[in-house]
PDB file of N, CA and C in Angstrom:
ATOM      1  N   MET A   1     104.843 116.933  89.310  1.00  0.00           N
ATOM      2  CA  MET A   1     103.818 117.324  89.888  1.00  0.00           C
ATOM      3  C   MET A   1     102.654 116.154  89.495  1.00  0.00           C
ATOM      4  N   ALA A   2     102.627 115.905  88.092  1.00  0.00           N
ATOM      5  CA  ALA A   2     101.595 115.258  87.779  1.00  0.00           C
ATOM      6  C   ALA A   2     101.449 114.020  88.325  1.00  0.00           C
ATOM      7  N   ARG A   3     102.535 113.381  88.368  1.00  0.00           N
ATOM      8  CA  ARG A   3     102.770 112.040  89.088  1.00  0.00           C
ATOM      9  C   ARG A   3     102.220 111.973  90.235  1.00  0.00           C
ATOM     10  N   ASP A   4     102.574 113.010  91.355  1.00  0.00           N
ATOM     11  CA  ASP A   4     102.079 112.893  92.401  1.00  0.00           C
ATOM     12  C   ASP A   4     100.308 113.015  92.245  1.00  0.00           C
ATOM     13  N   ILE A   5     100.012 113.982  91.357  1.00  0.00           N
ATOM     14  CA  ILE A   5      98.914 113.876  91.538  1.00  0.00           C
ATOM     15  C   ILE A   5      97.875 112.495  91.343  1.00  0.00           C
ATOM     16  N   VAL A   6      98.646 111.842  90.204  1.00  0.00           N
ATOM     17  CA  VAL A   6      98.183 110.702  89.743  1.00  0.00           C
ATOM     18  C   VAL A   6      98.323 109.594  91.046  1.00  0.00           C
ATOM     19  N   LEU A   7      99.452 109.703  91.647  1.00  0.00           N
ATOM     20  CA  LEU A   7      99.582 108.642  92.538  1.00  0.00           C
ATOM     21  C   LEU A   7      98.327 108.963  93.633  1.00  0.00           C
ATOM     22  N   LYS A   8      98.328 110.238  93.958  1.00  0.00           N
ATOM     23  CA  LYS A   8      97.073 110.697  95.137  1.00  0.00           C
ATOM     24  C   LYS A   8      95.430 110.141  94.304  1.00  0.00           C
ATOM     25  N   GLU A   9      95.366 110.407  93.629  1.00  0.00           N
ATOM     26  CA  GLU A   9      94.320 109.769  92.963  1.00  0.00           C
ATOM     27  C   GLU A   9      93.837 108.364  92.829  1.00  0.00           C
ATOM     28  N   ARG A  10      94.843 107.685  92.741  1.00  0.00           N
ATOM     29  CA  ARG A  10      95.030 106.280  92.762  1.00  0.00           C
ATOM     30  C   ARG A  10      94.831 105.540  93.988  1.00  0.00           C
ATOM     31  N   TRP A  11      95.554 106.210  95.030  1.00  0.00           N
ATOM     32  CA  TRP A  11      95.722 106.014  96.345  1.00  0.00           C
ATOM     33  C   TRP A  11      94.225 105.968  96.912  1.00  0.00           C
ATOM     34  N   GLN A  12      93.509 107.259  96.824  1.00  0.00           N
ATOM     35  CA  GLN A  12      92.446 107.384  97.241  1.00  0.00           C
ATOM     36  C   GLN A  12      91.082 106.154  96.519  1.00  0.00           C
ATOM     37  N   LEU A  13      91.602 106.027  95.378  1.00  0.00           N
ATOM     38  CA  LEU A  13      90.576 105.122  94.788  1.00  0.00           C
ATOM     39  C   LEU A  13      90.848 103.734  95.463  1.00  0.00           C
ATOM     40  N   LEU A  14      91.960 103.368  95.610  1.00  0.00           N
ATOM     41  CA  LEU A  14      92.477 102.038  96.458  1.00  0.00           C
ATOM     42  C   LEU A  14      91.938 101.981  97.716  1.00  0.00           C
ATOM     43  N   VAL A  15      92.302 103.073  98.593  1.00  0.00           N
ATOM     44  CA  VAL A  15      91.618 102.927  99.968  1.00  0.00           C
ATOM     45  C   VAL A  15      90.348 102.828 100.074  1.00  0.00           C
ATOM     46  N   GLU A  16      89.310 103.609  99.015  1.00  0.00           N
ATOM     47  CA  GLU A  16      87.554 103.427  98.642  1.00  0.00           C
ATOM     48  C   GLU A  16      87.743 102.095  98.336  1.00  0.00           C
ATOM     49  N   LYS A  17      88.064 101.364  97.616  1.00  0.00           N
ATOM     50  CA  LYS A  17      87.528 100.193  97.446  1.00  0.00           C
ATOM     51  C   LYS A  17      87.996  99.292  98.426  1.00  0.00           C
ATOM     52  N   LEU A  18      89.239  99.040  98.662  1.00  0.00           N
ATOM     53  CA  LEU A  18      89.713  98.186  99.925  1.00  0.00           C
ATOM     54  C   LEU A  18      88.890  98.549 101.031  1.00  0.00           C
ATOM     55  N   SER A  19      88.553  99.872 101.625  1.00  0.00           N
ATOM     56  CA  SER A  19      87.752  99.901 102.855  1.00  0.00           C
ATOM     57  C   SER A  19      86.311  99.204 102.582  1.00  0.00           C
ATOM     58  N   LEU A  20      85.682  99.636 101.465  1.00  0.00           N
ATOM     59  CA  LEU A  20      84.443  99.278 101.159  1.00  0.00           C
ATOM     60  C   LEU A  20      84.532  97.575 101.122  1.00  0.00           C
ATOM     61  N   LYS A  21      85.416  97.041 100.866  1.00  0.00           N
ATOM     62  CA  LYS A  21      85.641  95.448 101.115  1.00  0.00           C
ATOM     63  C   LYS A  21      85.921  94.731 102.211  1.00  0.00           C
ATOM     64  N   PHE A  22      86.787  95.351 103.115  1.00  0.00           N
ATOM     65  CA  PHE A  22      87.126  95.069 104.361  1.00  0.00           C
ATOM     66  C   PHE A  22      86.646  95.715 105.549  1.00  0.00           C
ATOM     67  N   SER A  23      86.570  97.074 105.449  1.00  0.00           N
ATOM     68  CA  SER A  23      86.313  97.496 106.634  1.00  0.00           C
ATOM     69  C   SER A  23      84.316  98.089 106.696  1.00  0.00           C
ATOM     70  N   ASP A  24      84.012  98.601 107.653  1.00  0.00           N
ATOM     71  CA  ASP A  24      82.918  99.246 107.809  1.00  0.00           C
ATOM     72  C   ASP A  24      82.643 100.557 107.525  1.00  0.00           C
ATOM     73  N   GLY A  25      83.279 100.546 106.266  1.00  0.00           N
ATOM     74  CA  GLY A  25      83.213 101.969 105.592  1.00  0.00           C
ATOM     75  C   GLY A  25      84.332 102.983 106.267  1.00  0.00           C
ATOM     76  N   ASP A  26      85.193 102.932 107.357  1.00  0.00           N
ATOM     77  CA  ASP A  26      85.961 103.518 107.988  1.00  0.00           C
ATOM     78  C   ASP A  26      87.393 103.480 106.935  1.00  0.00           C
ATOM     79  N   PRO A  27      88.041 104.494 106.672  1.00  0.00           N
ATOM     80  CA  PRO A  27      89.215 104.404 105.588  1.00  0.00           C
ATOM     81  C   PRO A  27      90.286 103.684 106.314  1.00  0.00           C
ATOM     82  N   LEU A  28      90.783 102.542 105.469  1.00  0.00           N
ATOM     83  CA  LEU A  28      91.860 101.421 105.924  1.00  0.00           C
ATOM     84  C   LEU A  28      92.957 102.415 105.965  1.00  0.00           C
ATOM     85  N   GLU A  29      93.726 102.554 107.008  1.00  0.00           N
ATOM     86  CA  GLU A  29      95.593 102.875 107.057  1.00  0.00           C
ATOM     87  C   GLU A  29      96.443 102.468 106.344  1.00  0.00           C
ATOM     88  N   LEU A  30      97.640 102.878 105.998  1.00  0.00           N
ATOM     89  CA  LEU A  30      98.418 102.303 105.279  1.00  0.00           C
ATOM     90  C   LEU A  30      99.112 100.975 105.924  1.00  0.00           C
ATOM     91  N   ASP A  31      99.113 100.996 107.334  1.00  0.00           N
ATOM     92  CA  ASP A  31      99.339  99.617 107.648  1.00  0.00           C
ATOM     93  C   ASP A  31      98.362  98.322 107.394  1.00  0.00           C
ATOM     94  N   ALA A  32      97.304  98.715 107.686  1.00  0.00           N
ATOM     95  CA  ALA A  32      96.278  97.872 107.346  1.00  0.00           C
ATOM     96  C   ALA A  32      96.262  97.292 105.948  1.00  0.00           C
ATOM     97  N   ILE A  33      96.470  98.075 104.764  1.00  0.00           N
ATOM     98  CA  ILE A  33      96.671  97.772 103.616  1.00  0.00           C
ATOM     99  C   ILE A  33      97.921  96.892 103.184  1.00  0.00           C
ATOM    100  N   ILE A  34      98.967  97.010 104.134  1.00  0.00           N
ATOM    101  CA  ILE A  34      99.910  96.440 104.011  1.00  0.00           C
ATOM    102  C   ILE A  34      99.961  94.957 104.759  1.00  0.00           C
ATOM    103  N   TYR A  35      99.223  94.827 105.566  1.00  0.00           N
ATOM    104  CA  TYR A  35      98.795  93.627 106.225  1.00  0.00           C
ATOM    105  C   TYR A  35      97.691  93.010 104.968  1.00  0.00           C
ATOM    106  N   LEU A  36      97.186  93.603 104.436  1.00  0.00           N
ATOM    107  CA  LEU A  36      96.084  92.781 103.783  1.00  0.00           C
ATOM    108  C   LEU A  36      96.953  92.462 102.072  1.00  0.00           C
ATOM    109  N   VAL A  37      97.890  92.974 101.989  1.00  0.00           N
ATOM    110  CA  VAL A  37      99.257  92.559 100.863  1.00  0.00           C
ATOM    111  C   VAL A  37      99.962  91.342 101.351  1.00  0.00           C
ATOM    112  N   GLY A  38     100.184  91.261 102.794  1.00  0.00           N
ATOM    113  CA  GLY A  38     100.876  90.402 103.196  1.00  0.00           C
ATOM    114  C   GLY A  38      99.665  88.980 102.926  1.00  0.00           C
ATOM    115  N   VAL A  39      98.502  89.011 103.372  1.00  0.00           N
ATOM    116  CA  VAL A  39      97.505  87.880 103.502  1.00  0.00           C
ATOM    117  C   VAL A  39      97.491  87.494 102.232  1.00  0.00           C
ATOM    118  N   GLN A  40      97.516  88.493 101.086  1.00  0.00           N
ATOM    119  CA  GLN A  40      97.126  87.982  99.778  1.00  0.00           C
ATOM    120  C   GLN A  40      98.580  87.237  99.365  1.00  0.00           C
ATOM    121  N   GLU A  41      99.607  87.535  99.658  1.00  0.00           N
ATOM    122  CA  GLU A  41     100.798  87.253  99.250  1.00  0.00           C
ATOM    123  C   GLU A  41     100.969  85.559  99.964  1.00  0.00           C
ATOM    124  N   LEU A  42     100.506  85.433 100.990  1.00  0.00           N
ATOM    125  CA  LEU A  42     100.348  84.303 101.840  1.00  0.00           C
ATOM    126  C   LEU A  42      99.660  83.418 101.154  1.00  0.00           C
ATOM    127  N   GLY A  43      98.320  83.785 100.771  1.00  0.00           N
ATOM    128  CA  GLY A  43      97.515  82.958 100.229  1.00  0.00           C
ATOM    129  C   GLY A  43      96.489  82.475 101.104  1.00  0.00           C
ATOM    130  N   GLN A  44      96.947  82.325 102.452  1.00  0.00           N
ATOM    131  CA  GLN A  44      96.081  81.614 103.566  1.00  0.00           C
ATOM    132  C   GLN A  44      94.900  82.589 104.301  1.00  0.00           C
ATOM    133  N   TYR A  45      93.916  82.522 103.612  1.00  0.00           N
ATOM    134  CA  TYR A  45      92.900  83.658 103.944  1.00  0.00           C
ATOM    135  C   TYR A  45      91.790  83.393 105.244  1.00  0.00           C
ATOM    136  N   GLN A  46      91.632  81.985 105.201  1.00  0.00           N
ATOM    137  CA  GLN A  46      90.826  81.680 106.026  1.00  0.00           C
ATOM    138  C   GLN A  46      91.013  80.947 107.684  1.00  0.00           C
ATOM    139  N   ARG A  47      92.054  82.081 108.081  1.00  0.00           N
ATOM    140  CA  ARG A  47      92.468  81.386 109.470  1.00  0.00           C
ATOM    141  C   ARG A  47      92.732  82.743 110.214  1.00  0.00           C
ATOM    142  N   LYS A  48      92.964  82.507 111.412  1.00  0.00           N
ATOM    143  CA  LYS A  48      93.366  83.615 112.454  1.00  0.00           C
ATOM    144  C   LYS A  48      94.883  83.563 112.653  1.00  0.00           C
ATOM    145  N   TYR A  49      95.696  84.838 112.642  1.00  0.00           N
ATOM    146  CA  TYR A  49      96.798  85.084 112.818  1.00  0.00           C
ATOM    147  C   TYR A  49      97.391  85.579 114.295  1.00  0.00           C
ATOM    148  N   LYS A  50      98.210  84.894 114.825  1.00  0.00           N
ATOM    149  CA  LYS A  50      98.668  85.258 115.878  1.00  0.00           C
ATOM    150  C   LYS A  50      99.540  86.712 115.748  1.00  0.00           C
ATOM    151  N   LYS A  51      99.772  87.458 116.880  1.00  0.00           N
ATOM    152  CA  LYS A  51     100.453  88.791 116.826  1.00  0.00           C
ATOM    153  C   LYS A  51     101.793  88.598 115.930  1.00  0.00           C
ATOM    154  N   ASP A  52     102.489  87.755 116.125  1.00  0.00           N
ATOM    155  CA  ASP A  52     104.100  87.385 115.816  1.00  0.00           C
ATOM    156  C   ASP A  52     103.810  87.400 114.029  1.00  0.00           C
ATOM    157  N   GLU A  53     102.854  86.474 113.865  1.00  0.00           N
ATOM    158  CA  GLU A  53     102.503  86.135 112.450  1.00  0.00           C
ATOM    159  C   GLU A  53     101.859  87.403 111.611  1.00  0.00           C
ATOM    160  N   LYS A  54     101.169  88.296 112.359  1.00  0.00           N
ATOM    161  CA  LYS A  54     100.863  89.497 111.162  1.00  0.00           C
ATOM    162  C   LYS A  54     101.993  90.345 111.342  1.00  0.00           C
ATOM    163  N   VAL A  55     102.837  90.584 112.409  1.00  0.00           N
ATOM    164  CA  VAL A  55     104.191  91.150 111.875  1.00  0.00           C
ATOM    165  C   VAL A  55     104.997  90.665 110.767  1.00  0.00           C
ATOM    166  N   ASN A  56     104.874  89.272 110.590  1.00  0.00           N
ATOM    167  CA  ASN A  56     105.698  88.625 109.753  1.00  0.00           C
ATOM    168  C   ASN A  56     104.940  88.693 108.295  1.00  0.00           C
ATOM    169  N   LEU A  57     103.445  88.808 108.365  1.00  0.00           N
ATOM    170  CA  LEU A  57     102.828  88.984 106.977  1.00  0.00           C
ATOM    171  C   LEU A  57     103.198  90.656 106.726  1.00  0.00           C
ATOM    172  N   MET A  58     103.336  91.610 107.854  1.00  0.00           N
ATOM    173  CA  MET A  58     103.399  92.745 107.016  1.00  0.00           C
ATOM    174  C   MET A  58     104.961  92.822 106.410  1.00  0.00           C
ATOM    175  N   HIS A  59     105.914  92.146 107.068  1.00  0.00           N
ATOM    176  CA  HIS A  59     107.455  92.010 106.479  1.00  0.00           C
ATOM    177  C   HIS A  59     107.336  91.235 104.979  1.00  0.00           C
ATOM    178  N   ILE A  60     106.194  90.190 104.836  1.00  0.00           N
ATOM    179  CA  ILE A  60     106.091  89.845 103.548  1.00  0.00           C
ATOM    180  C   ILE A  60     105.779  90.711 102.842  1.00  0.00           C
ATOM    181  N   ALA A  61     104.865  91.604 103.066  1.00  0.00           N
ATOM    182  CA  ALA A  61     104.066  92.414 102.090  1.00  0.00           C
ATOM    183  C   ALA A  61     105.273  93.346 101.745  1.00  0.00           C
ATOM    184  N   ILE A  62     105.889  94.214 102.735  1.00  0.00           N
ATOM    185  CA  ILE A  62     106.826  94.921 102.600  1.00  0.00           C
ATOM    186  C   ILE A  62     107.904  94.617 101.360  1.00  0.00           C
ATOM    187  N   CYS A  63     108.513  93.148 101.916  1.00  0.00           N
ATOM    188  CA  CYS A  63     109.348  92.567 100.743  1.00  0.00           C
ATOM    189  C   CYS A  63     108.935  92.615  99.520  1.00  0.00           C
ATOM    190  N   ARG A  64     107.536  92.081  99.325  1.00  0.00           N
ATOM    191  CA  ARG A  64     106.964  91.861  97.852  1.00  0.00           C
ATOM    192  C   ARG A  64     106.782  93.476  97.151  1.00  0.00           C
ATOM    193  N   LEU A  65     106.329  94.115  98.007  1.00  0.00           N
ATOM    194  CA  LEU A  65     105.903  95.857  97.401  1.00  0.00           C
ATOM    195  C   LEU A  65     107.373  96.319  96.954  1.00  0.00           C
ATOM    196  N   LEU A  66     108.612  95.993  97.647  1.00  0.00           N
ATOM    197  CA  LEU A  66     109.702  96.734  97.417  1.00  0.00           C
ATOM    198  C   LEU A  66     110.473  96.408  96.389  1.00  0.00           C
ATOM    199  N   GLU A  67     110.064  94.654  96.194  1.00  0.00           N
ATOM    200  CA  GLU A  67     111.047  93.822  95.244  1.00  0.00           C
ATOM    201  C   GLU A  67     111.081  94.389  93.847  1.00  0.00           C
ATOM    202  N   PRO A  68     109.687  94.883  93.073  1.00  0.00           N
ATOM    203  CA  PRO A  68     110.309  95.785  92.063  1.00  0.00           C
ATOM    204  C   PRO A  68     111.191  96.979  91.930  1.00  0.00           C
ATOM    205  N   TYR A  69     111.371  97.408  93.050  1.00  0.00           N
ATOM    206  CA  TYR A  69     112.473  98.512  93.282  1.00  0.00           C
ATOM    207  C   TYR A  69     113.955  98.140  93.697  1.00  0.00           C
ATOM    208  N   GLY A  70     113.775  97.064  93.858  1.00  0.00           N
ATOM    209  CA  GLY A  70     115.329  96.174  93.612  1.00  0.00           C
ATOM    210  C   GLY A  70     115.764  95.933  94.767  1.00  0.00           C
ATOM    211  N   TYR A  71     114.785  96.300  95.911  1.00  0.00           N
ATOM    212  CA  TYR A  71     115.518  96.304  97.197  1.00  0.00           C
ATOM    213  C   TYR A  71     115.616  94.678  97.892  1.00  0.00           C
ATOM    214  N   TYR A  72     114.625  93.796  97.416  1.00  0.00           N
ATOM    215  CA  TYR A  72     114.597  92.669  98.003  1.00  0.00           C
ATOM    216  C   TYR A  72     114.276  91.726  96.674  1.00  0.00           C
ATOM    217  N   GLU A  73     114.547  90.252  97.026  1.00  0.00           N
ATOM    218  CA  GLU A  73     114.239  89.453  95.884  1.00  0.00           C
ATOM    219  C   GLU A  73     113.935  88.084  96.646  1.00  0.00           C
ATOM    220  N   PHE A  74     112.603  87.918  95.795  1.00  0.00           N
ATOM    221  CA  PHE A  74     111.863  86.287  96.363  1.00  0.00           C
ATOM    222  C   PHE A  74     112.801  85.205  96.340  1.00  0.00           C
ATOM    223  N   ASP A  75     113.001  84.536  97.448  1.00  0.00           N
ATOM    224  CA  ASP A  75     114.172  83.476  97.594  1.00  0.00           C
ATOM    225  C   ASP A  75     113.362  82.235  97.659  1.00  0.00           C
ATOM    226  N   PHE A  76     112.130  81.793  98.393  1.00  0.00           N
ATOM    227  CA  PHE A  76     111.680  80.439  98.511  1.00  0.00           C
ATOM    228  C   PHE A  76     110.689  80.553  99.398  1.00  0.00           C
ATOM    229  N   PHE A  77     109.907  79.400  99.296  1.00  0.00           N
ATOM    230  CA  PHE A  77     108.531  79.129 100.035  1.00  0.00           C
ATOM    231  C   PHE A  77     108.983  78.042 101.110  1.00  0.00           C
ATOM    232  N   ASP A  78     108.694  78.406 102.343  1.00  0.00           N
ATOM    233  CA  ASP A  78     109.109  77.258 103.360  1.00  0.00           C
ATOM    234  C   ASP A  78     108.127  76.423 103.392  1.00  0.00           C
ATOM    235  N   ASP A  79     108.325  75.243 104.372  1.00  0.00           N
ATOM    236  CA  ASP A  79     107.210  74.254 104.333  1.00  0.00           C
ATOM    237  C   ASP A  79     105.717  74.297 105.208  1.00  0.00           C
ATOM    238  N   ASP A  80     105.623  75.750 105.580  1.00  0.00           N
ATOM    239  CA  ASP A  80     104.349  75.723 106.017  1.00  0.00           C
ATOM    240  C   ASP A  80     103.600  76.878 104.492  1.00  0.00           C
ATOM    241  N   GLY A  81     104.759  77.305 103.401  1.00  0.00           N
ATOM    242  CA  GLY A  81     103.971  78.042 102.762  1.00  0.00           C
ATOM    243  C   GLY A  81     104.226  79.771 102.894  1.00  0.00           C
ATOM    244  N   TRP A  82     105.244  80.018 103.582  1.00  0.00           N
ATOM    245  CA  TRP A  82     105.433  81.179 103.691  1.00  0.00           C
ATOM    246  C   TRP A  82     106.906  81.698 103.043  1.00  0.00           C
ATOM    247  N   PRO A  83     106.416  82.790 101.934  1.00  0.00           N
ATOM    248  CA  PRO A  83     107.300  83.239 101.249  1.00  0.00           C
ATOM    249  C   PRO A  83     108.639  83.965 101.971  1.00  0.00           C
ATOM    250  N   HIS A  84     109.797  83.686 101.383  1.00  0.00           N
ATOM    251  CA  HIS A  84     111.082  84.265 102.290  1.00  0.00           C
ATOM    252  C   HIS A  84     111.683  85.027 100.744  1.00  0.00           C
ATOM    253  N   TYR A  85     112.375  86.050 101.463  1.00  0.00           N
ATOM    254  CA  TYR A  85     113.088  86.972 100.500  1.00  0.00           C
ATOM    255  C   TYR A  85     114.330  87.150 100.948  1.00  0.00           C
ATOM    256  N   THR A  86     115.303  87.902 100.211  1.00  0.00           N
ATOM    257  CA  THR A  86     116.701  87.916 100.876  1.00  0.00           C
ATOM    258  C   THR A  86     116.802  89.574 100.211  1.00  0.00           C
ATOM    259  N   VAL A  87     117.428  90.464 101.044  1.00  0.00           N
ATOM    260  CA  VAL A  87     118.097  91.749 100.732  1.00  0.00           C
ATOM    261  C   VAL A  87     118.814  91.651  99.641  1.00  0.00           C
ATOM    262  N   LYS A  88     118.620  92.508  98.680  1.00  0.00           N
ATOM    263  CA  LYS A  88     119.575  92.668  97.427  1.00  0.00           C
ATOM    264  C   LYS A  88     120.232  94.260  97.617  1.00  0.00           C
ATOM    265  N   GLU A  89     119.395  95.201  98.240  1.00  0.00           N
ATOM    266  CA  GLU A  89     120.054  96.459  98.496  1.00  0.00           C
ATOM    267  C   GLU A  89     119.310  97.110  99.686  1.00  0.00           C
ATOM    268  N   GLU A  90     120.112  97.666 100.463  1.00  0.00           N
ATOM    269  CA  GLU A  90     119.629  98.091 101.464  1.00  0.00           C
ATOM    270  C   GLU A  90     118.890  99.431 101.362  1.00  0.00           C
ATOM    271  N   LEU A  91     117.734  99.603 101.947  1.00  0.00           N
ATOM    272  CA  LEU A  91     117.173 101.071 101.712  1.00  0.00           C
ATOM    273  C   LEU A  91     117.828 102.266 102.111  1.00  0.00           C
ATOM    274  N   PRO A  92     117.797 103.492 101.344  1.00  0.00           N
ATOM    275  CA  PRO A  92     118.371 104.261 101.818  1.00  0.00           C
ATOM    276  C   PRO A  92     117.568 105.002 102.788  1.00  0.00           C
ATOM    277  N   PRO A  93     118.328 105.811 103.951  1.00  0.00           N
ATOM    278  CA  PRO A  93     117.909 106.704 104.883  1.00  0.00           C
ATOM    279  C   PRO A  93     116.612 107.565 103.985  1.00  0.00           C
ATOM    280  N   LEU A  94     115.530 107.383 104.751  1.00  0.00           N
ATOM    281  CA  LEU A  94     114.096 108.084 104.179  1.00  0.00           C
ATOM    282  C   LEU A  94     113.675 108.622 105.377  1.00  0.00           C
ATOM    283  N   LYS A  95     113.132 109.991 105.193  1.00  0.00           N
ATOM    284  CA  LYS A  95     112.375 110.578 106.204  1.00  0.00           C
ATOM    285  C   LYS A  95     111.056 110.136 106.208  1.00  0.00           C
ATOM    286  N   ALA A  96     110.044 110.222 107.150  1.00  0.00           N
ATOM    287  CA  ALA A  96     109.000 109.537 107.432  1.00  0.00           C
ATOM    288  C   ALA A  96     108.195 109.709 106.429  1.00  0.00           C
ATOM    289  N   GLY A  97     108.042 111.068 106.150  1.00  0.00           N
ATOM    290  CA  GLY A  97     106.994 111.591 104.675  1.00  0.00           C
ATOM    291  C   GLY A  97     107.654 110.684 103.613  1.00  0.00           C
ATOM    292  N   GLU A  98     108.694 110.616 103.244  1.00  0.00           N
ATOM    293  CA  GLU A  98     109.359 109.787 101.901  1.00  0.00           C
ATOM    294  C   GLU A  98     109.299 108.284 102.094  1.00  0.00           C
ATOM    295  N   GLN A  99     109.202 107.796 103.125  1.00  0.00           N
ATOM    296  CA  GLN A  99     108.711 106.259 103.552  1.00  0.00           C
ATOM    297  C   GLN A  99     107.214 106.023 102.858  1.00  0.00           C
ATOM    298  N   THR A 100     106.428 106.816 103.552  1.00  0.00           N
ATOM    299  CA  THR A 100     105.167 106.830 103.210  1.00  0.00           C
ATOM    300  C   THR A 100     104.704 106.892 101.711  1.00  0.00           C
ATOM    301  N   VAL A 101     105.552 107.891 101.075  1.00  0.00           N
ATOM    302  CA  VAL A 101     105.070 108.008  99.759  1.00  0.00           C
ATOM    303  C   VAL A 101     105.621 106.623  99.078  1.00  0.00           C
ATOM    304  N   LEU A 102     107.065 106.402  99.115  1.00  0.00           N
ATOM    305  CA  LEU A 102     107.196 105.251  98.627  1.00  0.00           C
ATOM    306  C   LEU A 102     106.413 104.193  98.728  1.00  0.00           C
ATOM    307  N   MET A 103     106.110 103.835  99.977  1.00  0.00           N
ATOM    308  CA  MET A 103     104.868 102.732 100.254  1.00  0.00           C
ATOM    309  C   MET A 103     103.876 102.869  99.489  1.00  0.00           C
ATOM    310  N   LYS A 104     103.375 103.977  99.368  1.00  0.00           N
ATOM    311  CA  LYS A 104     102.119 104.458  98.820  1.00  0.00           C
ATOM    312  C   LYS A 104     102.127 104.030  97.156  1.00  0.00           C
ATOM    313  N   GLU A 105     103.127 104.450  96.694  1.00  0.00           N
ATOM    314  CA  GLU A 105     103.532 104.421  95.313  1.00  0.00           C
ATOM    315  C   GLU A 105     103.649 102.418  95.091  1.00  0.00           C
ATOM    316  N   ALA A 106     104.391 102.231  96.063  1.00  0.00           N
ATOM    317  CA  ALA A 106     104.422 100.587  95.631  1.00  0.00           C
ATOM    318  C   ALA A 106     103.291  99.892  95.940  1.00  0.00           C
ATOM    319  N   ILE A 107     102.362 100.265  96.764  1.00  0.00           N
ATOM    320  CA  ILE A 107     101.075  99.329  96.976  1.00  0.00           C
ATOM    321  C   ILE A 107     100.371  99.701  95.747  1.00  0.00           C
ATOM    322  N   VAL A 108     100.387 101.053  95.409  1.00  0.00           N
ATOM    323  CA  VAL A 108      99.215 101.388  94.073  1.00  0.00           C
ATOM    324  C   VAL A 108      99.906 100.709  93.105  1.00  0.00           C
ATOM    325  N   ASN A 109     101.252 100.507  92.895  1.00  0.00           N
ATOM    326  CA  ASN A 109     101.703  99.529  91.783  1.00  0.00           C
ATOM    327  C   ASN A 109     101.252  98.380  91.808  1.00  0.00           C
ATOM    328  N   TYR A 110     101.484  97.663  93.245  1.00  0.00           N
ATOM    329  CA  TYR A 110     100.793  96.202  93.211  1.00  0.00           C
ATOM    330  C   TYR A 110      99.561  96.101  92.760  1.00  0.00           C
ATOM    331  N   PHE A 111      98.968  96.822  93.290  1.00  0.00           N
ATOM    332  CA  PHE A 111      97.159  96.522  92.943  1.00  0.00           C
ATOM    333  C   PHE A 111      96.843  96.779  91.483  1.00  0.00           C
ATOM    334  N   VAL A 112      97.815  97.838  90.728  1.00  0.00           N
ATOM    335  CA  VAL A 112      97.461  97.923  89.438  1.00  0.00           C
ATOM    336  C   VAL A 112      97.889  96.776  88.714  1.00  0.00           C
ATOM    337  N   GLU A 113      98.983  96.472  89.166  1.00  0.00           N
ATOM    338  CA  GLU A 113      99.714  94.925  88.461  1.00  0.00           C
ATOM    339  C   GLU A 113      98.531  93.448  88.776  1.00  0.00           C
ATOM    340  N   LYS A 114      97.722  93.902  90.090  1.00  0.00           N
ATOM    341  CA  LYS A 114      96.771  92.758  90.112  1.00  0.00           C
ATOM    342  C   LYS A 114      95.422  92.961  89.237  1.00  0.00           C
ATOM    343  N   GLU A 115      95.406  93.932  88.585  1.00  0.00           N
ATOM    344  CA  GLU A 115      94.205  94.441  88.028  1.00  0.00           C
ATOM    345  C   GLU A 115      93.134  94.846  89.040  1.00  0.00           C
ATOM    346  N   PHE A 116      93.347  95.093  90.331  1.00  0.00           N
ATOM    347  CA  PHE A 116      92.277  95.679  91.216  1.00  0.00           C
ATOM    348  C   PHE A 116      91.898  97.354  91.158  1.00  0.00           C
ATOM    349  N   ILE A 117      92.846  98.030  90.531  1.00  0.00           N
ATOM    350  CA  ILE A 117      92.593  99.430  89.985  1.00  0.00           C
ATOM    351  C   ILE A 117      93.358  99.605  88.845  1.00  0.00           C
ATOM    352  N   ASN A 118      93.269 100.651  87.890  1.00  0.00           N
ATOM    353  CA  ASN A 118      94.029 100.992  87.096  1.00  0.00           C
ATOM    354  C   ASN A 118      94.453 102.280  86.787  1.00  0.00           C
TER     355      ASN A 118
END
């Protein structure tokens, strides 16, 4: 139970910090934060992305976020600098709520690792 409370507190802090930095005060949703992780991982900040590229950015983020859990492994950067991952282990079937908790936990851990929150 204490772990859930810590996750909830860290998630709220992260949403507040990112929302102040990247939105007009409206709290960012999970998908927006995943997108931001994708942009961070790609490292190409000063450009506009097409719709399919935005989907790819989210895929990059999910792979990177779930890499520490053993589901993906970084493979290589392509000629355009996009990272590619291979599947190491299929994700188990998760209910929607379980998926959300897993992603929030992975995102919080990512931003703790990046020293954006502690």
